[in-house]
Amino acid sequence: MTPQEIQDAIECRDRYRRRFEQRRSPGERLAAFYELQQTASALLHASDEGYQHFLRRNYASRRTEIVDGRYVPESPDRRAVQTSS
């Protein structure tokens, strides 16, 4: 296949997927979302070590600090200093 044929096939696939998703009812979309969430949760909980790593990374990305009276995301530079001590 030439690069153009590959690109055309990808565009055809994407059009098909968009049309398929547009035809689904809100209930069907929610059911698919729920199933995806359940699968992701089961995968995360399959490994205690992996789940703990996920939590550490997730909580670290949500950390905030107060600068000039406002909550702002904690800066990576400050986080590097805190973790290296």
C-alpha atoms as a PDB file:
ATOM      1  CA  MET A   1       0.000   0.000   0.000  1.00  0.00           C
ATOM      2  CA  THR A   2       1.171   3.483  -0.786  1.00  0.00           C
ATOM      3  CA  PRO A   3       1.179   6.161   1.901  1.00  0.00           C
ATOM      4  CA  GLN A   4      -1.817   7.798   0.210  1.00  0.00           C
ATOM      5  CA  GLU A   5      -3.772   4.522   0.222  1.00  0.00           C
ATOM      6  CA  ILE A   6      -2.992   4.072   3.915  1.00  0.00           C
ATOM      7  CA  GLN A   7      -4.169   7.624   4.636  1.00  0.00           C
ATOM      8  CA  ASP A   8      -7.366   7.035   2.631  1.00  0.00           C
ATOM      9  CA  ALA A   9      -8.051   3.804   4.531  1.00  0.00           C
ATOM     10  CA  ILE A  10      -7.543   5.569   7.875  1.00  0.00           C
ATOM     11  CA  GLU A  11      -9.913   8.370   6.854  1.00  0.00           C
ATOM     12  CA  CYS A  12     -12.512   5.815   5.728  1.00  0.00           C
ATOM     13  CA  ARG A  13     -12.223   3.985   9.059  1.00  0.00           C
ATOM     14  CA  ASP A  14     -12.530   7.266  10.998  1.00  0.00           C
ATOM     15  CA  ARG A  15     -15.656   8.273   9.038  1.00  0.00           C
ATOM     16  CA  TYR A  16     -17.203   4.877   9.766  1.00  0.00           C
ATOM     17  CA  ARG A  17     -16.433   5.159  13.490  1.00  0.00           C
ATOM     18  CA  ARG A  18     -17.821   8.706  13.691  1.00  0.00           C
ATOM     19  CA  ARG A  19     -21.061   7.666  11.971  1.00  0.00           C
ATOM     20  CA  PHE A  20     -21.336   4.613  14.223  1.00  0.00           C
ATOM     21  CA  GLU A  21     -20.879   6.730  17.362  1.00  0.00           C
ATOM     22  CA  GLN A  22     -23.369   9.343  16.163  1.00  0.00           C
ATOM     23  CA  ARG A  23     -26.048   6.651  15.716  1.00  0.00           C
ATOM     24  CA  ARG A  24     -25.694   5.350  19.279  1.00  0.00           C
ATOM     25  CA  SER A  25     -28.228   6.474  21.841  1.00  0.00           C
ATOM     26  CA  PRO A  26     -27.107   8.310  25.000  1.00  0.00           C
ATOM     27  CA  GLY A  27     -27.915   5.166  26.991  1.00  0.00           C
ATOM     28  CA  GLU A  28     -25.680   3.061  24.748  1.00  0.00           C
ATOM     29  CA  ARG A  29     -22.864   5.580  25.081  1.00  0.00           C
ATOM     30  CA  LEU A  30     -23.189   5.583  28.868  1.00  0.00           C
ATOM     31  CA  ALA A  31     -23.221   1.783  28.960  1.00  0.00           C
ATOM     32  CA  ALA A  32     -20.021   1.669  26.879  1.00  0.00           C
ATOM     33  CA  PHE A  33     -18.427   4.297  29.144  1.00  0.00           C
ATOM     34  CA  TYR A  34     -19.412   2.312  32.247  1.00  0.00           C
ATOM     35  CA  GLU A  35     -17.932  -0.875  30.785  1.00  0.00           C
ATOM     36  CA  LEU A  36     -14.707   0.957  29.926  1.00  0.00           C
ATOM     37  CA  GLN A  37     -14.493   2.338  33.478  1.00  0.00           C
ATOM     38  CA  GLN A  38     -15.044  -1.134  34.961  1.00  0.00           C
ATOM     39  CA  THR A  39     -12.350  -2.643  32.738  1.00  0.00           C
ATOM     40  CA  ALA A  40      -9.877   0.121  33.606  1.00  0.00           C
ATOM     41  CA  SER A  41     -10.608  -0.252  37.319  1.00  0.00           C
ATOM     42  CA  ALA A  42     -10.116  -4.023  37.189  1.00  0.00           C
ATOM     43  CA  LEU A  43      -6.830  -3.555  35.348  1.00  0.00           C
ATOM     44  CA  LEU A  44      -5.609  -1.013  37.913  1.00  0.00           C
ATOM     45  CA  HIS A  45      -6.540  -3.223  40.856  1.00  0.00           C
ATOM     46  CA  ALA A  46      -4.930  -6.317  39.307  1.00  0.00           C
ATOM     47  CA  SER A  47      -1.563  -5.204  40.678  1.00  0.00           C
ATOM     48  CA  ASP A  48      -1.305  -3.670  44.151  1.00  0.00           C
ATOM     49  CA  GLU A  49       2.082  -2.174  43.314  1.00  0.00           C
ATOM     50  CA  GLY A  50       0.779  -0.706  40.051  1.00  0.00           C
ATOM     51  CA  TYR A  51      -2.288   0.719  41.793  1.00  0.00           C
ATOM     52  CA  GLN A  52      -0.149   2.382  44.481  1.00  0.00           C
ATOM     53  CA  HIS A  53       2.071   3.860  41.770  1.00  0.00           C
ATOM     54  CA  PHE A  54      -1.020   5.199  39.977  1.00  0.00           C
ATOM     55  CA  LEU A  55      -2.288   6.825  43.177  1.00  0.00           C
ATOM     56  CA  ARG A  56       1.071   8.466  43.934  1.00  0.00           C
ATOM     57  CA  ARG A  57       1.322   9.833  40.390  1.00  0.00           C
ATOM     58  CA  ASN A  58      -2.310  10.967  40.347  1.00  0.00           C
ATOM     59  CA  TYR A  59      -2.157  12.732  43.714  1.00  0.00           C
ATOM     60  CA  ALA A  60       1.173  14.351  42.846  1.00  0.00           C
ATOM     61  CA  SER A  61      -0.326  15.804  39.669  1.00  0.00           C
ATOM     62  CA  ARG A  62      -3.209  17.312  41.687  1.00  0.00           C
ATOM     63  CA  ARG A  63      -1.067  18.943  44.384  1.00  0.00           C
ATOM     64  CA  THR A  64      -1.581  22.641  44.905  1.00  0.00           C
ATOM     65  CA  GLU A  65       0.148  25.329  46.888  1.00  0.00           C
ATOM     66  CA  ILE A  66      -0.884  28.813  47.960  1.00  0.00           C
ATOM     67  CA  VAL A  67       0.988  31.593  46.167  1.00  0.00           C
ATOM     68  CA  ASP A  68      -0.008  35.201  46.832  1.00  0.00           C
ATOM     69  CA  GLY A  69      -3.229  34.022  48.476  1.00  0.00           C
ATOM     70  CA  ARG A  70      -4.293  31.859  45.501  1.00  0.00           C
ATOM     71  CA  TYR A  71      -4.285  28.103  45.037  1.00  0.00           C
ATOM     72  CA  VAL A  72      -2.068  27.184  42.090  1.00  0.00           C
ATOM     73  CA  PRO A  73      -0.724  23.847  40.859  1.00  0.00           C
ATOM     74  CA  GLU A  74       2.481  22.978  42.636  1.00  0.00           C
ATOM     75  CA  SER A  75       5.453  23.820  40.444  1.00  0.00           C
ATOM     76  CA  PRO A  76       7.613  20.925  39.190  1.00  0.00           C
ATOM     77  CA  ASP A  77      10.728  22.772  40.431  1.00  0.00           C
ATOM     78  CA  ARG A  78       9.370  22.963  43.982  1.00  0.00           C
ATOM     79  CA  ARG A  79       8.261  19.341  43.829  1.00  0.00           C
ATOM     80  CA  ALA A  80      11.775  18.283  42.741  1.00  0.00           C
ATOM     81  CA  VAL A  81      13.299  20.087  45.738  1.00  0.00           C
ATOM     82  CA  GLN A  82      10.794  18.497  48.147  1.00  0.00           C
ATOM     83  CA  THR A  83      11.334  14.957  46.892  1.00  0.00           C
ATOM     84  CA  SER A  84      15.128  15.147  46.743  1.00  0.00           C
ATOM     85  CA  SER A  85      15.469  16.144  50.435  1.00  0.00           C
END
